[in-house]
Amino acid sequence: MTLSRRNFLSLAAAGGLSCCGTVSAVSRASDPLDTYTLSPLQPDGSRSGRVGHLVVELPTSGGELSTDRVLIKITPRQAEYLPDARWSEPTPAMVQTLLVNSLMNRGEIRLVTRIGAGLAPDRTLMTEIQAFQAELTGPGRAQTRIALWMALIRESDRRVTGTSRFMATVAAPSDSTSALIAGLDAAMQAILGDVVGWVTLNAVST
């Protein structure tokens, strides 16, 4: 459940933060929602496209992330959504798009799709979004954190050929919305690079 603005300000005051020290992005409740998206890995000439067909399933997540709103953790147990920002699509769908495009732009996979499209895939990538958020670390200070757990399944025998957890944390230069979005983009770029390498190695060796 998200906190109301009144409850959030009360919590901030109880924690010794003045109103001017609360997250600036959370303090602008009357601003219209701006729409943001994150960037996939761009082609770098490394793609060979010589290994099979991969389906990237829609990631699963907790209820607080099954939305197009941008999550910010005020404390480890208290959260809000940025009132002036939204993603271009719900977080799980956006992560799926980033994975599909990044794996198509780089690596060894010949075909990467969201669904089978009538074709029998060689492998399926399953993802659980464990964290996808900004985090308040002090007055005017924040960081961004993304954590994804993944499993790669070989469809010929339904065997799990690999599992891994990918996590990145990036310090934001301020608590403004633009800084938080940029921090999330940087964290996702780091994770996407690791994911492409892991999927490629797994697909080639198993």
N, C-alpha and C. Protein backbone atom coordinates (compact mmCIF):
# COMPACT_ATOMS: atom_id res chain seq x y z
N MET A 1 0.85 -1.19 0.00
CA MET A 1 0.00 0.00 0.00
C MET A 1 0.88 1.23 0.00
N THR A 2 0.60 2.22 -0.85
CA THR A 2 1.38 3.44 -0.89
C THR A 2 0.94 4.38 0.21
N LEU A 3 1.87 5.24 0.61
CA LEU A 3 1.58 6.21 1.65
C LEU A 3 0.92 7.43 1.04
N SER A 4 0.01 8.04 1.77
CA SER A 4 -0.53 9.31 1.33
C SER A 4 0.53 10.38 1.52
N ARG A 5 0.38 11.48 0.81
CA ARG A 5 1.35 12.57 0.95
C ARG A 5 1.40 13.06 2.39
N ARG A 6 0.24 13.17 3.05
CA ARG A 6 0.21 13.64 4.42
C ARG A 6 0.98 12.69 5.33
N ASN A 7 0.76 11.38 5.15
CA ASN A 7 1.47 10.41 5.98
C ASN A 7 2.97 10.44 5.71
N PHE A 8 3.34 10.62 4.45
CA PHE A 8 4.76 10.68 4.13
C PHE A 8 5.44 11.85 4.82
N LEU A 9 4.80 13.03 4.76
CA LEU A 9 5.40 14.19 5.40
C LEU A 9 5.46 14.01 6.91
N SER A 10 4.46 13.34 7.48
CA SER A 10 4.49 13.07 8.91
C SER A 10 5.65 12.14 9.25
N LEU A 11 5.87 11.14 8.41
CA LEU A 11 6.97 10.22 8.64
C LEU A 11 8.31 10.93 8.51
N ALA A 12 8.41 11.82 7.54
CA ALA A 12 9.65 12.56 7.36
C ALA A 12 9.94 13.42 8.58
N ALA A 13 8.89 14.07 9.10
CA ALA A 13 9.08 14.90 10.28
C ALA A 13 9.47 14.06 11.48
N ALA A 14 8.84 12.89 11.62
CA ALA A 14 9.16 12.02 12.74
C ALA A 14 10.59 11.52 12.65
N GLY A 15 11.12 11.39 11.44
CA GLY A 15 12.48 10.92 11.26
C GLY A 15 13.50 12.03 11.34
N GLY A 16 13.10 13.24 11.70
CA GLY A 16 14.03 14.33 11.86
C GLY A 16 14.31 15.10 10.59
N LEU A 17 13.51 14.91 9.55
CA LEU A 17 13.71 15.64 8.32
C LEU A 17 12.73 16.80 8.26
N SER A 18 13.23 17.97 7.90
CA SER A 18 12.33 19.10 7.72
C SER A 18 11.64 18.96 6.38
N CYS A 19 10.59 19.76 6.15
CA CYS A 19 9.87 19.69 4.88
C CYS A 19 10.79 19.98 3.71
N CYS A 20 11.74 20.90 3.89
CA CYS A 20 12.62 21.23 2.78
C CYS A 20 13.64 20.13 2.56
N GLY A 21 13.74 19.18 3.47
CA GLY A 21 14.69 18.10 3.31
C GLY A 21 14.09 16.85 2.75
N THR A 22 12.79 16.84 2.48
CA THR A 22 12.17 15.65 1.91
C THR A 22 12.55 15.55 0.44
N VAL A 23 12.30 14.39 -0.14
CA VAL A 23 12.65 14.18 -1.54
C VAL A 23 11.95 15.22 -2.40
N SER A 24 12.73 15.96 -3.20
CA SER A 24 12.13 17.04 -3.98
C SER A 24 11.14 16.49 -4.99
N ALA A 25 11.42 15.32 -5.58
CA ALA A 25 10.51 14.74 -6.56
C ALA A 25 9.19 14.34 -5.94
N VAL A 26 9.20 13.90 -4.67
CA VAL A 26 7.98 13.49 -4.00
C VAL A 26 7.19 14.70 -3.52
N SER A 27 7.85 15.83 -3.37
CA SER A 27 7.20 17.00 -2.80
C SER A 27 6.34 17.76 -3.80
N ARG A 28 6.43 17.42 -5.09
CA ARG A 28 5.70 18.19 -6.11
C ARG A 28 4.45 17.44 -6.54
N ALA A 29 3.54 17.27 -5.61
CA ALA A 29 2.37 16.42 -5.86
C ALA A 29 1.43 16.99 -6.91
N SER A 30 1.47 18.31 -7.14
CA SER A 30 0.52 18.92 -8.07
C SER A 30 1.03 18.93 -9.51
N ASP A 31 2.28 18.51 -9.75
CA ASP A 31 2.84 18.53 -11.10
C ASP A 31 2.19 17.44 -11.96
N PRO A 32 2.05 17.69 -13.28
CA PRO A 32 1.52 16.64 -14.16
C PRO A 32 2.53 15.50 -14.30
N LEU A 33 2.03 14.34 -14.70
CA LEU A 33 2.90 13.18 -14.85
C LEU A 33 3.67 13.25 -16.16
N ASP A 34 4.98 13.24 -16.09
CA ASP A 34 5.83 13.12 -17.27
C ASP A 34 6.10 11.64 -17.51
N THR A 35 6.23 11.25 -18.77
CA THR A 35 6.42 9.85 -19.13
C THR A 35 7.89 9.59 -19.47
N TYR A 36 8.42 8.52 -18.89
CA TYR A 36 9.83 8.16 -19.08
C TYR A 36 9.94 6.71 -19.54
N THR A 37 11.06 6.42 -20.18
CA THR A 37 11.42 5.04 -20.49
C THR A 37 12.91 4.90 -20.31
N LEU A 38 13.41 3.67 -20.30
CA LEU A 38 14.83 3.40 -20.16
C LEU A 38 15.39 2.89 -21.48
N SER A 39 16.72 2.85 -21.58
CA SER A 39 17.37 2.55 -22.86
C SER A 39 17.88 1.11 -22.90
N PRO A 40 17.60 0.39 -24.00
CA PRO A 40 18.23 -0.92 -24.18
C PRO A 40 19.69 -0.75 -24.58
N LEU A 41 20.44 -1.84 -24.53
CA LEU A 41 21.79 -1.81 -25.08
C LEU A 41 21.72 -1.56 -26.58
N GLN A 42 22.64 -0.75 -27.07
CA GLN A 42 22.67 -0.43 -28.49
C GLN A 42 23.60 -1.39 -29.23
N PRO A 43 23.36 -1.62 -30.52
CA PRO A 43 24.25 -2.50 -31.29
C PRO A 43 25.69 -2.00 -31.25
N ASP A 44 26.63 -2.96 -31.12
CA ASP A 44 28.04 -2.59 -31.10
C ASP A 44 28.88 -3.41 -32.08
N GLY A 45 28.20 -4.12 -32.97
CA GLY A 45 28.91 -4.93 -33.95
C GLY A 45 29.28 -6.32 -33.47
N SER A 46 28.92 -6.66 -32.22
CA SER A 46 29.32 -7.95 -31.66
C SER A 46 28.31 -9.06 -31.95
N ARG A 47 27.14 -8.71 -32.43
CA ARG A 47 26.08 -9.70 -32.62
C ARG A 47 26.38 -10.61 -33.80
N SER A 48 26.27 -11.94 -33.56
CA SER A 48 26.45 -12.90 -34.65
C SER A 48 25.15 -13.60 -35.02
N GLY A 49 24.20 -13.71 -34.07
CA GLY A 49 22.91 -14.31 -34.33
C GLY A 49 22.99 -15.75 -34.81
N ARG A 50 23.82 -16.55 -34.16
CA ARG A 50 24.01 -17.92 -34.64
C ARG A 50 23.38 -18.98 -33.74
N VAL A 51 22.72 -18.58 -32.65
CA VAL A 51 22.20 -19.56 -31.70
C VAL A 51 20.70 -19.41 -31.53
N GLY A 52 19.92 -20.28 -32.15
CA GLY A 52 18.54 -20.54 -31.85
C GLY A 52 17.56 -19.41 -31.63
N HIS A 53 16.49 -19.76 -30.92
CA HIS A 53 15.33 -18.89 -30.68
C HIS A 53 15.08 -18.82 -29.18
N LEU A 54 15.05 -17.61 -28.66
CA LEU A 54 14.81 -17.37 -27.23
C LEU A 54 13.51 -16.61 -27.05
N VAL A 55 12.66 -17.09 -26.15
CA VAL A 55 11.46 -16.36 -25.75
C VAL A 55 11.71 -15.72 -24.39
N VAL A 56 11.46 -14.43 -24.30
CA VAL A 56 11.56 -13.70 -23.03
C VAL A 56 10.15 -13.54 -22.48
N GLU A 57 9.85 -14.27 -21.42
CA GLU A 57 8.52 -14.19 -20.82
C GLU A 57 8.34 -12.86 -20.10
N LEU A 58 7.08 -12.45 -19.93
CA LEU A 58 6.78 -11.24 -19.17
C LEU A 58 7.27 -11.45 -17.74
N PRO A 59 8.14 -10.57 -17.22
CA PRO A 59 8.63 -10.74 -15.86
C PRO A 59 7.51 -10.68 -14.83
N THR A 60 7.72 -11.34 -13.71
CA THR A 60 6.81 -11.26 -12.57
C THR A 60 7.39 -10.29 -11.55
N SER A 61 6.53 -9.79 -10.66
CA SER A 61 6.97 -8.83 -9.65
C SER A 61 5.95 -8.77 -8.53
N GLY A 62 6.33 -8.11 -7.45
CA GLY A 62 5.37 -7.81 -6.40
C GLY A 62 4.38 -6.76 -6.87
N GLY A 63 3.27 -6.64 -6.14
CA GLY A 63 2.20 -5.74 -6.55
C GLY A 63 2.62 -4.29 -6.67
N GLU A 64 3.59 -3.86 -5.85
CA GLU A 64 4.00 -2.46 -5.89
C GLU A 64 4.71 -2.10 -7.19
N LEU A 65 5.19 -3.11 -7.93
CA LEU A 65 5.87 -2.87 -9.20
C LEU A 65 5.02 -3.21 -10.41
N SER A 66 3.83 -3.72 -10.20
CA SER A 66 2.95 -4.09 -11.32
C SER A 66 2.15 -2.88 -11.78
N THR A 67 2.84 -1.81 -12.09
CA THR A 67 2.23 -0.53 -12.41
C THR A 67 3.19 0.26 -13.27
N ASP A 68 2.71 1.37 -13.85
CA ASP A 68 3.60 2.23 -14.61
C ASP A 68 4.16 3.37 -13.77
N ARG A 69 3.95 3.34 -12.47
CA ARG A 69 4.45 4.39 -11.59
C ARG A 69 5.88 4.08 -11.15
N VAL A 70 6.63 5.14 -10.83
CA VAL A 70 8.04 5.02 -10.43
C VAL A 70 8.11 4.93 -8.92
N LEU A 71 8.62 3.82 -8.42
CA LEU A 71 8.63 3.55 -6.98
C LEU A 71 9.84 4.19 -6.32
N ILE A 72 9.62 4.81 -5.15
CA ILE A 72 10.72 5.31 -4.33
C ILE A 72 10.51 4.83 -2.91
N LYS A 73 11.55 4.25 -2.33
CA LYS A 73 11.51 3.77 -0.95
C LYS A 73 11.93 4.92 -0.03
N ILE A 74 11.03 5.32 0.85
CA ILE A 74 11.34 6.36 1.83
C ILE A 74 12.18 5.77 2.96
N THR A 75 11.82 4.58 3.39
CA THR A 75 12.60 3.77 4.32
C THR A 75 12.55 2.34 3.78
N PRO A 76 13.30 1.40 4.35
CA PRO A 76 13.24 0.03 3.84
C PRO A 76 11.84 -0.57 3.86
N ARG A 77 10.94 -0.05 4.70
CA ARG A 77 9.59 -0.62 4.81
C ARG A 77 8.48 0.33 4.38
N GLN A 78 8.84 1.50 3.89
CA GLN A 78 7.84 2.49 3.50
C GLN A 78 8.15 3.01 2.11
N ALA A 79 7.12 3.10 1.27
CA ALA A 79 7.34 3.46 -0.13
C ALA A 79 6.29 4.44 -0.61
N GLU A 80 6.64 5.17 -1.66
CA GLU A 80 5.74 6.08 -2.36
C GLU A 80 5.98 5.91 -3.85
N TYR A 81 5.12 6.53 -4.64
CA TYR A 81 5.35 6.66 -6.07
C TYR A 81 5.64 8.13 -6.37
N LEU A 82 6.60 8.38 -7.26
CA LEU A 82 6.87 9.76 -7.65
C LEU A 82 5.61 10.35 -8.26
N PRO A 83 5.13 11.48 -7.76
CA PRO A 83 3.85 12.02 -8.22
C PRO A 83 3.93 12.73 -9.57
N ASP A 84 5.15 12.98 -10.08
CA ASP A 84 5.27 13.72 -11.33
C ASP A 84 5.86 12.87 -12.45
N ALA A 85 5.89 11.54 -12.27
CA ALA A 85 6.55 10.69 -13.27
C ALA A 85 5.84 9.35 -13.39
N ARG A 86 5.89 8.82 -14.60
CA ARG A 86 5.38 7.48 -14.86
C ARG A 86 6.23 6.85 -15.95
N TRP A 87 6.25 5.51 -15.98
CA TRP A 87 6.91 4.81 -17.07
C TRP A 87 6.00 4.77 -18.30
N SER A 88 6.58 4.52 -19.45
CA SER A 88 5.80 4.45 -20.69
C SER A 88 4.91 3.22 -20.73
N GLU A 89 5.19 2.21 -19.91
CA GLU A 89 4.37 1.01 -19.78
C GLU A 89 4.64 0.43 -18.39
N PRO A 90 3.80 -0.49 -17.91
CA PRO A 90 4.05 -1.06 -16.59
C PRO A 90 5.46 -1.63 -16.48
N THR A 91 6.03 -1.56 -15.29
CA THR A 91 7.42 -1.96 -15.09
C THR A 91 7.75 -3.34 -15.67
N PRO A 92 6.95 -4.40 -15.42
CA PRO A 92 7.29 -5.70 -16.00
C PRO A 92 7.36 -5.68 -17.53
N ALA A 93 6.43 -4.99 -18.18
CA ALA A 93 6.44 -4.91 -19.64
C ALA A 93 7.64 -4.12 -20.14
N MET A 94 8.01 -3.06 -19.42
CA MET A 94 9.18 -2.27 -19.83
C MET A 94 10.45 -3.09 -19.71
N VAL A 95 10.59 -3.84 -18.61
CA VAL A 95 11.77 -4.69 -18.44
C VAL A 95 11.83 -5.75 -19.54
N GLN A 96 10.69 -6.33 -19.88
CA GLN A 96 10.65 -7.31 -20.97
C GLN A 96 11.12 -6.69 -22.28
N THR A 97 10.64 -5.49 -22.59
CA THR A 97 11.04 -4.80 -23.81
C THR A 97 12.54 -4.54 -23.82
N LEU A 98 13.09 -4.10 -22.69
CA LEU A 98 14.52 -3.83 -22.60
C LEU A 98 15.34 -5.11 -22.81
N LEU A 99 14.88 -6.21 -22.24
CA LEU A 99 15.59 -7.49 -22.41
C LEU A 99 15.55 -7.96 -23.86
N VAL A 100 14.36 -7.91 -24.47
CA VAL A 100 14.22 -8.36 -25.86
C VAL A 100 15.11 -7.52 -26.78
N ASN A 101 15.03 -6.21 -26.67
CA ASN A 101 15.80 -5.35 -27.57
C ASN A 101 17.30 -5.47 -27.35
N SER A 102 17.71 -5.58 -26.08
CA SER A 102 19.15 -5.70 -25.79
C SER A 102 19.71 -7.02 -26.31
N LEU A 103 18.96 -8.11 -26.12
CA LEU A 103 19.42 -9.41 -26.60
C LEU A 103 19.40 -9.49 -28.13
N MET A 104 18.51 -8.75 -28.76
CA MET A 104 18.49 -8.69 -30.22
C MET A 104 19.63 -7.82 -30.76
N ASN A 105 20.02 -6.80 -30.02
CA ASN A 105 21.06 -5.88 -30.47
C ASN A 105 22.46 -6.42 -30.27
N ARG A 106 22.62 -7.34 -29.30
CA ARG A 106 23.95 -7.88 -29.01
C ARG A 106 23.86 -9.38 -28.74
N GLY A 107 25.00 -10.03 -28.77
CA GLY A 107 25.05 -11.43 -28.39
C GLY A 107 24.86 -12.38 -29.56
N GLU A 108 24.56 -13.64 -29.22
CA GLU A 108 24.59 -14.73 -30.19
C GLU A 108 23.21 -15.26 -30.58
N ILE A 109 22.15 -14.78 -29.96
CA ILE A 109 20.83 -15.35 -30.19
C ILE A 109 20.28 -14.91 -31.55
N ARG A 110 19.85 -15.87 -32.36
CA ARG A 110 19.37 -15.56 -33.71
C ARG A 110 18.03 -14.82 -33.68
N LEU A 111 17.10 -15.30 -32.84
CA LEU A 111 15.76 -14.71 -32.77
C LEU A 111 15.35 -14.58 -31.32
N VAL A 112 14.92 -13.38 -30.94
CA VAL A 112 14.45 -13.11 -29.58
C VAL A 112 13.05 -12.53 -29.68
N THR A 113 12.08 -13.17 -29.02
CA THR A 113 10.69 -12.72 -29.09
C THR A 113 10.06 -12.73 -27.71
N ARG A 114 8.88 -12.08 -27.64
CA ARG A 114 8.12 -12.09 -26.40
C ARG A 114 7.28 -13.36 -26.26
N ILE A 115 6.78 -13.86 -27.37
CA ILE A 115 5.96 -15.08 -27.35
C ILE A 115 6.45 -15.99 -28.46
N GLY A 116 5.97 -17.22 -28.46
CA GLY A 116 6.45 -18.18 -29.44
C GLY A 116 6.15 -17.82 -30.88
N ALA A 117 5.08 -17.08 -31.13
CA ALA A 117 4.69 -16.66 -32.48
C ALA A 117 4.55 -17.86 -33.42
N GLY A 118 4.06 -18.99 -32.88
CA GLY A 118 3.88 -20.18 -33.70
C GLY A 118 5.13 -21.00 -33.87
N LEU A 119 6.27 -20.51 -33.36
CA LEU A 119 7.54 -21.23 -33.46
C LEU A 119 7.87 -21.87 -32.12
N ALA A 120 8.53 -23.00 -32.15
CA ALA A 120 8.96 -23.66 -30.92
C ALA A 120 10.31 -23.08 -30.51
N PRO A 121 10.37 -22.36 -29.39
CA PRO A 121 11.64 -21.76 -28.98
C PRO A 121 12.62 -22.81 -28.48
N ASP A 122 13.90 -22.49 -28.58
CA ASP A 122 14.93 -23.37 -28.02
C ASP A 122 15.08 -23.14 -26.52
N ARG A 123 14.90 -21.89 -26.09
CA ARG A 123 15.05 -21.54 -24.69
C ARG A 123 14.04 -20.48 -24.29
N THR A 124 13.73 -20.47 -23.01
CA THR A 124 12.84 -19.46 -22.44
C THR A 124 13.55 -18.80 -21.27
N LEU A 125 13.47 -17.46 -21.23
CA LEU A 125 14.06 -16.69 -20.14
C LEU A 125 12.95 -16.22 -19.22
N MET A 126 13.02 -16.62 -17.96
CA MET A 126 12.05 -16.21 -16.95
C MET A 126 12.73 -15.23 -15.99
N THR A 127 11.99 -14.19 -15.60
CA THR A 127 12.56 -13.12 -14.78
C THR A 127 11.62 -12.76 -13.64
N GLU A 128 12.18 -12.58 -12.47
CA GLU A 128 11.46 -12.03 -11.31
C GLU A 128 12.11 -10.70 -10.96
N ILE A 129 11.30 -9.63 -10.97
CA ILE A 129 11.80 -8.31 -10.59
C ILE A 129 11.76 -8.21 -9.07
N GLN A 130 12.92 -8.22 -8.43
CA GLN A 130 12.99 -8.17 -6.98
C GLN A 130 13.12 -6.74 -6.45
N ALA A 131 13.69 -5.86 -7.24
CA ALA A 131 13.80 -4.45 -6.86
C ALA A 131 13.90 -3.62 -8.13
N PHE A 132 13.20 -2.48 -8.14
CA PHE A 132 13.25 -1.56 -9.28
C PHE A 132 12.80 -0.21 -8.75
N GLN A 133 13.71 0.51 -8.12
CA GLN A 133 13.27 1.65 -7.31
C GLN A 133 14.38 2.66 -7.07
N ALA A 134 13.95 3.86 -6.71
CA ALA A 134 14.84 4.83 -6.09
C ALA A 134 14.72 4.67 -4.58
N GLU A 135 15.76 5.08 -3.86
CA GLU A 135 15.76 4.95 -2.40
C GLU A 135 16.29 6.22 -1.77
N LEU A 136 15.56 6.76 -0.82
CA LEU A 136 16.00 7.94 -0.09
C LEU A 136 17.09 7.53 0.89
N THR A 137 18.26 8.19 0.81
CA THR A 137 19.36 7.87 1.71
C THR A 137 19.66 8.99 2.70
N GLY A 138 18.99 10.13 2.57
CA GLY A 138 19.17 11.25 3.48
C GLY A 138 18.59 12.50 2.85
N PRO A 139 18.61 13.63 3.57
CA PRO A 139 18.06 14.87 3.01
C PRO A 139 18.76 15.25 1.70
N GLY A 140 17.99 15.28 0.62
CA GLY A 140 18.55 15.63 -0.68
C GLY A 140 19.40 14.56 -1.32
N ARG A 141 19.45 13.37 -0.72
CA ARG A 141 20.31 12.30 -1.25
C ARG A 141 19.48 11.06 -1.55
N ALA A 142 19.85 10.37 -2.61
CA ALA A 142 19.11 9.17 -3.01
C ALA A 142 20.02 8.26 -3.81
N GLN A 143 19.58 7.04 -3.98
CA GLN A 143 20.24 6.09 -4.86
C GLN A 143 19.17 5.31 -5.60
N THR A 144 19.58 4.61 -6.64
CA THR A 144 18.64 3.75 -7.38
C THR A 144 19.15 2.32 -7.31
N ARG A 145 18.20 1.39 -7.28
CA ARG A 145 18.57 -0.02 -7.14
C ARG A 145 17.65 -0.89 -7.99
N ILE A 146 18.24 -1.79 -8.74
CA ILE A 146 17.51 -2.78 -9.54
C ILE A 146 18.08 -4.15 -9.24
N ALA A 147 17.20 -5.12 -9.02
CA ALA A 147 17.62 -6.51 -8.83
C ALA A 147 16.68 -7.42 -9.60
N LEU A 148 17.24 -8.27 -10.44
CA LEU A 148 16.48 -9.22 -11.24
C LEU A 148 17.00 -10.63 -11.00
N TRP A 149 16.10 -11.55 -10.74
CA TRP A 149 16.46 -12.98 -10.67
C TRP A 149 15.99 -13.64 -11.95
N MET A 150 16.85 -14.46 -12.55
CA MET A 150 16.53 -15.03 -13.86
C MET A 150 16.79 -16.52 -13.89
N ALA A 151 16.00 -17.21 -14.69
CA ALA A 151 16.20 -18.63 -14.96
C ALA A 151 16.09 -18.86 -16.46
N LEU A 152 17.00 -19.67 -17.00
CA LEU A 152 16.99 -20.00 -18.41
C LEU A 152 16.61 -21.47 -18.56
N ILE A 153 15.57 -21.72 -19.36
CA ILE A 153 15.02 -23.07 -19.50
C ILE A 153 15.24 -23.57 -20.93
N ARG A 154 15.79 -24.77 -21.05
CA ARG A 154 15.93 -25.42 -22.35
C ARG A 154 14.63 -26.15 -22.66
N GLU A 155 13.99 -25.78 -23.74
CA GLU A 155 12.64 -26.28 -24.01
C GLU A 155 12.61 -27.74 -24.46
N SER A 156 13.69 -28.26 -24.99
CA SER A 156 13.68 -29.64 -25.48
C SER A 156 13.42 -30.65 -24.37
N ASP A 157 13.87 -30.35 -23.16
CA ASP A 157 13.63 -31.26 -22.03
C ASP A 157 13.12 -30.53 -20.78
N ARG A 158 12.80 -29.22 -20.94
CA ARG A 158 12.29 -28.38 -19.84
C ARG A 158 13.28 -28.35 -18.67
N ARG A 159 14.53 -28.42 -18.97
CA ARG A 159 15.57 -28.39 -17.94
C ARG A 159 16.03 -26.96 -17.70
N VAL A 160 16.16 -26.60 -16.42
CA VAL A 160 16.72 -25.30 -16.07
C VAL A 160 18.23 -25.38 -16.25
N THR A 161 18.74 -24.65 -17.22
CA THR A 161 20.17 -24.72 -17.52
C THR A 161 20.98 -23.65 -16.81
N GLY A 162 20.31 -22.71 -16.16
CA GLY A 162 21.04 -21.69 -15.42
C GLY A 162 20.12 -20.76 -14.67
N THR A 163 20.56 -20.31 -13.52
CA THR A 163 19.86 -19.28 -12.75
C THR A 163 20.89 -18.26 -12.29
N SER A 164 20.48 -17.03 -12.15
CA SER A 164 21.40 -16.00 -11.68
C SER A 164 20.62 -14.80 -11.17
N ARG A 165 21.24 -14.05 -10.29
CA ARG A 165 20.66 -12.81 -9.78
C ARG A 165 21.56 -11.66 -10.22
N PHE A 166 20.94 -10.65 -10.78
CA PHE A 166 21.66 -9.48 -11.27
C PHE A 166 21.21 -8.26 -10.47
N MET A 167 22.16 -7.51 -9.94
CA MET A 167 21.81 -6.35 -9.12
C MET A 167 22.77 -5.20 -9.41
N ALA A 168 22.24 -4.00 -9.42
CA ALA A 168 23.07 -2.80 -9.59
C ALA A 168 22.49 -1.69 -8.74
N THR A 169 23.38 -0.93 -8.09
CA THR A 169 23.00 0.23 -7.28
C THR A 169 23.80 1.42 -7.77
N VAL A 170 23.12 2.54 -8.00
CA VAL A 170 23.77 3.74 -8.52
C VAL A 170 23.39 4.92 -7.64
N ALA A 171 24.37 5.67 -7.17
CA ALA A 171 24.11 6.87 -6.38
C ALA A 171 23.62 7.98 -7.30
N ALA A 172 22.53 8.63 -6.92
CA ALA A 172 21.99 9.73 -7.71
C ALA A 172 22.62 11.04 -7.24
N PRO A 173 22.94 11.96 -8.16
CA PRO A 173 23.56 13.23 -7.75
C PRO A 173 22.62 14.13 -6.97
N SER A 174 21.31 13.90 -7.08
CA SER A 174 20.32 14.65 -6.31
C SER A 174 19.07 13.79 -6.21
N ASP A 175 18.05 14.32 -5.52
CA ASP A 175 16.80 13.57 -5.42
C ASP A 175 15.74 14.08 -6.39
N SER A 176 16.16 14.79 -7.43
CA SER A 176 15.21 15.26 -8.44
C SER A 176 14.75 14.09 -9.30
N THR A 177 13.59 14.24 -9.91
CA THR A 177 13.07 13.17 -10.75
C THR A 177 14.03 12.82 -11.88
N SER A 178 14.58 13.82 -12.55
CA SER A 178 15.49 13.54 -13.67
C SER A 178 16.72 12.78 -13.21
N ALA A 179 17.23 13.11 -12.03
CA ALA A 179 18.41 12.41 -11.51
C ALA A 179 18.07 10.97 -11.15
N LEU A 180 16.88 10.74 -10.60
CA LEU A 180 16.47 9.39 -10.24
C LEU A 180 16.26 8.53 -11.47
N ILE A 181 15.63 9.09 -12.50
CA ILE A 181 15.42 8.33 -13.74
C ILE A 181 16.77 8.00 -14.39
N ALA A 182 17.68 8.97 -14.40
CA ALA A 182 19.01 8.73 -14.97
C ALA A 182 19.74 7.64 -14.18
N GLY A 183 19.58 7.63 -12.86
CA GLY A 183 20.20 6.60 -12.05
C GLY A 183 19.63 5.22 -12.34
N LEU A 184 18.32 5.13 -12.52
CA LEU A 184 17.70 3.85 -12.88
C LEU A 184 18.16 3.39 -14.26
N ASP A 185 18.33 4.33 -15.18
CA ASP A 185 18.81 3.97 -16.51
C ASP A 185 20.23 3.42 -16.44
N ALA A 186 21.08 4.06 -15.64
CA ALA A 186 22.46 3.58 -15.50
C ALA A 186 22.51 2.20 -14.86
N ALA A 187 21.67 1.98 -13.84
CA ALA A 187 21.62 0.67 -13.19
C ALA A 187 21.15 -0.40 -14.17
N MET A 188 20.13 -0.07 -14.96
CA MET A 188 19.60 -1.05 -15.91
C MET A 188 20.61 -1.35 -17.01
N GLN A 189 21.36 -0.35 -17.46
CA GLN A 189 22.38 -0.58 -18.47
C GLN A 189 23.43 -1.58 -17.98
N ALA A 190 23.84 -1.42 -16.72
CA ALA A 190 24.83 -2.34 -16.15
C ALA A 190 24.28 -3.76 -16.10
N ILE A 191 23.03 -3.90 -15.68
CA ILE A 191 22.42 -5.23 -15.59
C ILE A 191 22.24 -5.84 -16.97
N LEU A 192 21.79 -5.06 -17.93
CA LEU A 192 21.57 -5.60 -19.28
C LEU A 192 22.86 -6.14 -19.88
N GLY A 193 23.97 -5.45 -19.65
CA GLY A 193 25.25 -5.95 -20.15
C GLY A 193 25.59 -7.30 -19.56
N ASP A 194 25.37 -7.45 -18.25
CA ASP A 194 25.64 -8.74 -17.59
C ASP A 194 24.69 -9.83 -18.08
N VAL A 195 23.42 -9.47 -18.26
CA VAL A 195 22.42 -10.45 -18.70
C VAL A 195 22.75 -10.98 -20.09
N VAL A 196 23.10 -10.09 -21.01
CA VAL A 196 23.42 -10.52 -22.37
C VAL A 196 24.60 -11.48 -22.36
N GLY A 197 25.63 -11.17 -21.59
CA GLY A 197 26.78 -12.06 -21.50
C GLY A 197 26.42 -13.41 -20.92
N TRP A 198 25.59 -13.41 -19.87
CA TRP A 198 25.19 -14.66 -19.21
C TRP A 198 24.32 -15.52 -20.11
N VAL A 199 23.32 -14.91 -20.75
CA VAL A 199 22.44 -15.66 -21.64
C VAL A 199 23.23 -16.25 -22.81
N THR A 200 24.11 -15.45 -23.39
CA THR A 200 24.91 -15.91 -24.53
C THR A 200 25.78 -17.10 -24.14
N LEU A 201 26.49 -16.99 -23.02
CA LEU A 201 27.36 -18.08 -22.57
C LEU A 201 26.55 -19.34 -22.29
N ASN A 202 25.40 -19.16 -21.64
CA ASN A 202 24.55 -20.30 -21.30
C ASN A 202 24.00 -20.97 -22.56
N ALA A 203 23.57 -20.17 -23.51
CA ALA A 203 22.97 -20.71 -24.73
C ALA A 203 23.99 -21.45 -25.58
N VAL A 204 25.21 -20.95 -25.61
CA VAL A 204 26.25 -21.56 -26.43
C VAL A 204 26.77 -22.85 -25.80
N SER A 205 26.82 -22.90 -24.46
CA SER A 205 27.49 -24.02 -23.78
C SER A 205 26.55 -25.13 -23.35
N THR A 206 25.20 -24.94 -23.44
CA THR A 206 24.29 -25.98 -22.97
C THR A 206 23.34 -26.42 -24.08
